[in-house]
Each structure stands twice: as C-alpha cells, then as structure tokens.
Amino acid sequence: MKPPIFEYASPSTVAEAVALLASKDGNAKVISGGQSLMPMLAFRLATPELLVDLKHLKNLDAISIGEDGVRLGAKVRWCDIESDARLAVSHPLLAEAIKHVAHYQIRNRGTVGGSVAHADPSAEMPGIAMTCGARMTIVGSAGARIEAAADFFTGPLQTSLQPDEILTEVHLPPWPAARRWAFLEFARRKGDFAMAGIALHYDLDGAGRIVDAHVGAIGVADRPIRLAAVEAMLNGNRLDDRLIAAASAKARQSVDPPSDIHAPGAYRAALVATLLARGLKKSAV
C-alpha cells in the first residue's frame, strides 16, 4: 500500500516543532528515524495531516554520561549506543539490550526517542526505560515537564505524550560499578520482536544479600512492566538455586500474556519464567 497524502515540515528548533504540532490539533505526527512510523503510514494505520521531521533539530543526538546517570537525546540512534564504548561500563544493561534491536540497517536509522514514543510493548528500549526507572523530558506548548517511565507508558503504542508534545531526552539513573545485571529475550528469528524478554539489575549489601532489585518484562503485557512480586522475593535474600526457582515460578504467576498468531499466552508466561531463571544465573557469574 501507499501512504496517505500529508504535509511535511522540517523545523530547526524544538519550539517551532511544537508550534507545528499544535497547529494541527492532534492530526500531526513526529518523525525521527521513521523505522516504526513509515510502515504504519504504508499500511495506513496512521493517517496524519502533517509529518514534523526532527532531523534538523540540534542538541538532541548527544549521549551524556555523568554522576547523575546517562542522558540519551531523542535523536540518538541505536548505532550511536553500540559504538559508544563508555556505555559498557556506564550502563552495560542498555548496551546489551540494544544488541537485540532489529537488524543492522534499522539500528543505523532507528532512534531512542522514536522507540520510546512508539511504545511497542515488545521493544527493548521501552523495557530498559521501565526497568531502570528512566525519566523522560517532554516539551510542549505548556513548557517542559519530566515524566517517570511508569507513568509515561499507558498502553499498547500509547503514552502520556500530548498531541503538541515532543520527547527530547531519556534519563537513566546512575549505575554503580558493582551492580549485577542481565538482559535476555526470545524471538523466532534474530532481529524480530521478542515474544518475551527480561531485563534485571540488583545490588548486593555487605553480607551478599540482594538489595534494590529491578525486574522488567517485555512482550507479555500491553506495555513494558516491572515484576514487583519477583523484586520483593529477591530483596533481602542471597541468590541461590532455591531462590532462583522460586523467583522463576513467581514470574510465571505474575504475568498474563495475550495469545496471538506468534505464540499462546501460556507459552509467553513460561518464557518469562525461563528467561528470568537464566538471567539471574547469568547475573551471578
């Protein structure tokens, strides 16, 4: 199919982009890398009157690493993350997750902001944002605001972004050097969307007990989720085979995935349990 007829604009400032979005009263779309939006246009799942291209906006393609964590501009591409050697230390969970994003060609064009704003429940970057407690910087007609990931993702392909707002930055909290972590997902073919995935990280206290466990899942709900019951089970305990088995069972009980043409819901739930067990074992090495 061919995309619908639309107007096109390529503003040079965020303020100009916001004004263009506001002028169409909800009938405009932002385009960044275009890896999700272009197929939607081709299938006419999206029919905007106006596309607002962010390619000429400056200062949205930087990766900043400091004491307050990692800041990713909305125009940062997956290949930018892959090629930034600092992230192997500053945020290895992010660096590992991005290896699973689609294929080489898409990683050369797809962007952080595009993926987060698209909010596919099976996508890696929304999962990392949710798991790590990211904070989104959003700019609109009313000014700038900060939104926690838990409030930002509201449903399948749905976020709290208003029609006149643009996501400009994703901020990931600081990453302690000794933190334990793992990212695992399962897809039919490498580069396909995950049927299920697990992202986790935790710290250890002086006695080797888990503290501040974060366990996130993708592909098993209408948005990326945190498995709070699993986190509570892990916190305060030493990681051993018995705890891993119990956490795996709890993970399976904590999700209720839908069935679709790719897999039954029960299969996805079993995947979550298996991936969590594998992830916890991997994090302990």
Protein backbone atom coordinates (compact mmCIF):
# COMPACT_ATOMS: atom_id res chain seq x y z
CA MET A 1 0.00 0.00 0.00
CA LYS A 2 0.98 3.61 -0.42
CA PRO A 3 0.97 6.13 2.44
CA PRO A 4 -1.78 8.74 2.66
CA ILE A 5 -1.25 12.29 1.43
CA PHE A 6 0.28 14.51 4.11
CA GLU A 7 2.08 17.80 4.53
CA TYR A 8 5.74 17.78 5.54
CA ALA A 9 7.76 20.18 7.69
CA SER A 10 11.35 20.11 8.92
CA PRO A 11 11.70 22.72 11.68
CA SER A 12 15.03 23.92 13.02
CA THR A 13 14.05 24.34 16.69
CA VAL A 14 12.03 22.41 19.25
CA ALA A 15 9.78 25.43 19.75
CA GLU A 16 8.99 25.53 16.04
CA ALA A 17 8.28 21.79 16.01
CA VAL A 18 5.92 22.13 18.98
CA ALA A 19 4.09 25.00 17.27
CA LEU A 20 3.63 22.91 14.12
CA LEU A 21 2.22 20.01 16.13
CA ALA A 22 -0.15 22.33 17.99
CA SER A 23 -1.38 23.85 14.73
CA LYS A 24 -2.90 20.54 13.61
CA ASP A 25 -4.93 19.82 16.75
CA GLY A 26 -3.82 16.20 17.09
CA ASN A 27 -3.54 15.44 13.36
CA ALA A 28 0.26 15.67 13.15
CA LYS A 29 2.99 13.10 13.79
CA VAL A 30 6.63 13.46 14.71
CA ILE A 31 9.10 11.51 12.59
CA SER A 32 12.65 10.82 13.74
CA GLY A 33 14.26 7.64 12.39
CA GLY A 34 10.96 6.56 10.85
CA GLN A 35 11.54 2.84 11.40
CA SER A 36 8.14 2.38 13.04
CA LEU A 37 6.15 5.25 11.56
CA MET A 38 6.89 4.60 7.88
CA PRO A 39 5.41 1.06 7.90
CA MET A 40 2.38 2.39 9.78
CA LEU A 41 1.91 5.03 7.08
CA ALA A 42 2.30 2.44 4.33
CA PHE A 43 -0.45 0.29 5.88
CA ARG A 44 -2.49 3.42 6.69
CA LEU A 45 -2.53 2.59 10.36
CA ALA A 46 -1.50 6.23 10.78
CA THR A 47 -3.04 8.98 8.65
CA PRO A 48 -1.62 12.32 9.85
CA GLU A 49 -2.23 15.57 8.05
CA LEU A 50 1.33 16.67 8.81
CA LEU A 51 4.69 15.00 9.44
CA VAL A 52 7.09 17.02 11.57
CA ASP A 53 10.63 15.81 10.86
CA LEU A 54 13.15 16.28 13.69
CA LYS A 55 16.25 15.82 11.52
CA HIS A 56 17.31 19.48 11.67
CA LEU A 57 16.82 19.88 15.42
CA LYS A 58 20.17 20.33 17.14
CA ASN A 59 21.37 19.03 20.52
CA LEU A 60 19.04 16.00 20.54
CA ASP A 61 21.63 13.46 19.37
CA ALA A 62 24.04 13.51 22.31
CA ILE A 63 24.87 10.77 24.81
CA SER A 64 25.85 12.40 28.11
CA ILE A 65 27.34 10.38 30.95
CA GLY A 66 27.90 11.88 34.38
CA GLU A 67 27.37 11.44 38.09
CA ASP A 68 23.61 11.76 37.60
CA GLY A 69 23.50 8.86 35.13
CA VAL A 70 23.14 8.52 31.37
CA ARG A 71 21.21 11.01 29.28
CA LEU A 72 20.14 9.99 25.79
CA GLY A 73 18.91 12.62 23.38
CA ALA A 74 15.80 11.64 21.48
CA LYS A 75 17.70 11.51 18.18
CA VAL A 76 20.41 9.15 19.47
CA ARG A 77 20.48 6.16 17.12
CA TRP A 78 20.98 2.55 18.13
CA CYS A 79 24.31 2.50 16.27
CA ASP A 80 25.42 5.51 18.35
CA ILE A 81 24.85 3.47 21.50
CA GLU A 82 26.60 0.45 20.02
CA SER A 83 29.69 2.47 19.12
CA ASP A 84 29.97 4.35 22.44
CA ALA A 85 32.48 2.27 24.42
CA ARG A 86 31.73 4.24 27.61
CA LEU A 87 28.35 2.54 27.97
CA ALA A 88 29.93 -0.88 28.50
CA VAL A 89 30.84 0.45 31.97
CA SER A 90 28.37 3.29 32.49
CA HIS A 91 25.28 1.26 31.56
CA PRO A 92 26.03 -2.30 30.39
CA LEU A 93 22.36 -3.32 30.59
CA LEU A 94 21.47 -0.69 27.99
CA ALA A 95 24.43 -1.65 25.81
CA GLU A 96 23.45 -5.33 25.89
CA ALA A 97 19.75 -4.69 25.18
CA ILE A 98 20.50 -2.60 22.09
CA LYS A 99 22.33 -5.56 20.52
CA HIS A 100 18.92 -7.22 20.23
CA VAL A 101 17.22 -4.35 18.40
CA ALA A 102 16.09 -5.39 14.92
CA HIS A 103 18.76 -5.56 12.22
CA TYR A 104 21.88 -3.61 11.24
CA GLN A 105 20.08 -1.34 8.77
CA ILE A 106 17.40 -0.42 11.29
CA ARG A 107 19.95 0.21 14.05
CA ASN A 108 21.58 2.74 11.72
CA ARG A 109 18.36 4.76 11.50
CA GLY A 110 16.13 3.97 14.46
CA THR A 111 16.27 6.35 17.42
CA VAL A 112 15.81 6.24 21.17
CA GLY A 113 13.04 8.83 21.11
CA GLY A 114 11.22 7.13 18.26
CA SER A 115 11.17 3.77 20.04
CA VAL A 116 10.15 5.16 23.42
CA ALA A 117 7.41 7.35 21.94
CA HIS A 118 6.16 4.49 19.74
CA ALA A 119 5.87 2.38 22.93
CA ASP A 120 5.75 -1.08 21.42
CA PRO A 121 5.31 -3.46 24.40
CA SER A 122 7.86 -5.88 22.91
CA ALA A 123 10.57 -3.31 22.18
CA GLU A 124 13.85 -3.25 24.07
CA MET A 125 14.24 0.46 24.81
CA PRO A 126 10.84 0.90 26.49
CA GLY A 127 11.68 -2.19 28.54
CA ILE A 128 15.01 -0.72 29.66
CA ALA A 129 13.35 2.60 30.47
CA MET A 130 10.73 0.88 32.62
CA THR A 131 13.14 -1.49 34.35
CA CYS A 132 15.66 1.21 35.22
CA GLY A 133 13.16 3.85 36.29
CA ALA A 134 14.01 6.27 33.48
CA ARG A 135 12.70 9.81 33.42
CA MET A 136 11.53 11.42 30.19
CA THR A 137 11.98 15.07 29.31
CA ILE A 138 8.98 16.28 27.32
CA VAL A 139 8.50 19.69 25.70
CA GLY A 140 5.15 21.08 24.58
CA SER A 141 3.13 24.26 24.27
CA ALA A 142 2.83 24.48 28.06
CA GLY A 143 6.61 24.18 28.53
CA ALA A 144 8.87 21.34 29.64
CA ARG A 145 7.99 18.56 32.05
CA ILE A 146 9.55 15.38 33.42
CA GLU A 147 7.64 12.08 33.37
CA ALA A 148 8.61 8.82 35.06
CA ALA A 149 8.63 5.76 32.80
CA ALA A 150 5.96 4.11 34.95
CA ASP A 151 3.60 6.99 34.12
CA PHE A 152 4.77 7.54 30.55
CA PHE A 153 3.72 4.17 29.10
CA THR A 154 -0.07 3.90 29.25
CA GLY A 155 -0.97 1.06 26.87
CA PRO A 156 -0.08 -0.64 23.57
CA LEU A 157 1.52 2.05 21.39
CA GLN A 158 0.18 4.61 23.87
CA THR A 159 1.98 7.12 26.06
CA SER A 160 1.23 10.21 28.09
CA LEU A 161 2.57 12.43 25.29
CA GLN A 162 0.05 15.06 24.29
CA PRO A 163 -0.54 15.95 20.62
CA ASP A 164 1.60 19.10 20.91
CA GLU A 165 4.48 17.48 22.84
CA ILE A 166 7.87 16.08 21.83
CA LEU A 167 10.03 13.68 23.80
CA THR A 168 13.50 15.26 23.87
CA GLU A 169 15.54 13.13 26.32
CA VAL A 170 15.60 9.86 28.24
CA HIS A 171 17.49 9.96 31.55
CA LEU A 172 18.70 6.68 33.09
CA PRO A 173 19.75 6.86 36.79
CA PRO A 174 23.38 6.31 37.89
CA TRP A 175 24.82 2.82 37.53
CA PRO A 176 27.03 1.51 40.40
CA ALA A 177 30.16 -0.27 39.18
CA ALA A 178 29.42 -3.44 41.18
CA ARG A 179 25.81 -3.79 40.06
CA ARG A 180 24.66 -7.21 38.82
CA TRP A 181 22.50 -7.36 35.71
CA ALA A 182 21.20 -9.40 32.77
CA PHE A 183 19.15 -8.95 29.62
CA LEU A 184 17.62 -11.89 27.74
CA GLU A 185 14.89 -12.15 25.13
CA PHE A 186 13.48 -14.81 22.84
CA ALA A 187 12.33 -14.23 19.27
CA ARG A 188 11.57 -16.56 16.36
CA ARG A 189 14.45 -15.07 14.37
CA LYS A 190 17.27 -12.76 15.39
CA GLY A 191 16.05 -9.20 14.99
CA ASP A 192 12.34 -10.00 15.27
CA PHE A 193 10.27 -8.52 18.06
CA ALA A 194 10.63 -10.51 21.25
CA MET A 195 7.94 -12.99 22.22
CA ALA A 196 9.16 -12.29 25.74
CA GLY A 197 12.14 -10.63 27.34
CA ILE A 198 13.61 -9.98 30.76
CA ALA A 199 15.78 -7.10 31.96
CA LEU A 200 17.05 -7.12 35.53
CA HIS A 201 19.55 -5.50 37.82
CA TYR A 202 20.27 -5.50 41.54
CA ASP A 203 22.94 -4.57 44.05
CA LEU A 204 24.42 -6.58 46.92
CA ASP A 205 24.84 -5.48 50.53
CA GLY A 206 27.89 -6.27 52.67
CA ALA A 207 26.50 -9.70 53.50
CA GLY A 208 25.87 -10.63 49.87
CA ARG A 209 22.10 -10.12 50.05
CA ILE A 210 20.19 -8.63 47.15
CA VAL A 211 19.05 -5.03 47.52
CA ASP A 212 17.13 -2.75 45.16
CA ALA A 213 16.14 -5.48 42.71
CA HIS A 214 14.61 -4.29 39.46
CA VAL A 215 12.99 -6.87 37.18
CA GLY A 216 11.26 -5.83 33.98
CA ALA A 217 9.49 -7.80 31.27
CA ILE A 218 8.63 -7.07 27.63
CA GLY A 219 6.29 -8.82 25.23
CA VAL A 220 3.89 -10.10 27.89
CA ALA A 221 1.56 -7.16 28.57
CA ASP A 222 0.12 -4.10 26.87
CA ARG A 223 3.23 -2.15 27.89
CA PRO A 224 6.65 -2.87 29.43
CA ILE A 225 6.16 -3.86 33.07
CA ARG A 226 8.01 -4.34 36.34
CA LEU A 227 7.52 -7.62 38.20
CA ALA A 228 7.08 -6.18 41.69
CA ALA A 229 6.32 -9.53 43.35
CA VAL A 230 9.53 -11.01 41.99
CA GLU A 231 11.53 -7.99 43.13
CA ALA A 232 10.09 -8.31 46.64
CA MET A 233 11.02 -12.00 46.71
CA LEU A 234 14.61 -11.26 45.70
CA ASN A 235 15.26 -8.33 48.03
CA GLY A 236 16.95 -9.22 51.29
CA ASN A 237 18.00 -12.71 50.18
CA ARG A 238 21.14 -14.34 48.87
CA LEU A 239 20.89 -15.63 45.32
CA ASP A 240 20.96 -19.42 45.18
CA ASP A 241 19.27 -22.16 43.18
CA ARG A 242 16.30 -22.31 45.54
CA LEU A 243 15.67 -18.55 45.28
CA ILE A 244 16.07 -18.63 41.50
CA ALA A 245 13.49 -21.42 41.20
CA ALA A 246 11.05 -19.59 43.47
CA ALA A 247 11.52 -16.29 41.61
CA SER A 248 11.03 -18.06 38.28
CA ALA A 249 7.74 -19.56 39.46
CA LYS A 250 6.63 -16.19 40.82
CA ALA A 251 7.42 -14.55 37.48
CA ARG A 252 5.23 -17.03 35.66
CA GLN A 253 2.37 -16.30 38.07
CA SER A 254 2.87 -12.53 37.75
CA VAL A 255 2.12 -12.23 34.04
CA ASP A 256 -0.97 -12.94 31.96
CA PRO A 257 0.15 -12.51 28.36
CA PRO A 258 -2.32 -12.46 25.47
CA SER A 259 -2.29 -15.15 22.82
CA ASP A 260 -1.67 -14.19 19.20
CA ILE A 261 -0.52 -15.69 15.91
CA HIS A 262 3.05 -15.92 17.21
CA ALA A 263 2.53 -17.75 20.49
CA PRO A 264 -0.10 -18.71 23.08
CA GLY A 265 -0.18 -16.66 26.25
CA ALA A 266 0.82 -19.66 28.36
CA TYR A 267 3.95 -20.11 26.24
CA ARG A 268 4.96 -16.47 26.75
CA ALA A 269 4.45 -16.82 30.50
CA ALA A 270 6.66 -19.90 30.51
CA LEU A 271 9.27 -17.97 28.54
CA VAL A 272 9.31 -15.23 31.16
CA ALA A 273 9.97 -17.80 33.88
CA THR A 274 12.75 -19.49 31.90
CA LEU A 275 14.39 -16.22 30.89
CA LEU A 276 14.30 -14.91 34.45
CA ALA A 277 15.98 -18.06 35.77
CA ARG A 278 18.66 -17.82 33.11
CA GLY A 279 19.11 -14.11 33.71
CA LEU A 280 19.55 -14.50 37.45
CA LYS A 281 22.12 -17.26 36.94
CA LYS A 282 23.95 -15.13 34.40
CA SER A 283 23.98 -12.12 36.72
CA ALA A 284 25.64 -14.13 39.47
CA VAL A 285 28.68 -15.07 37.40
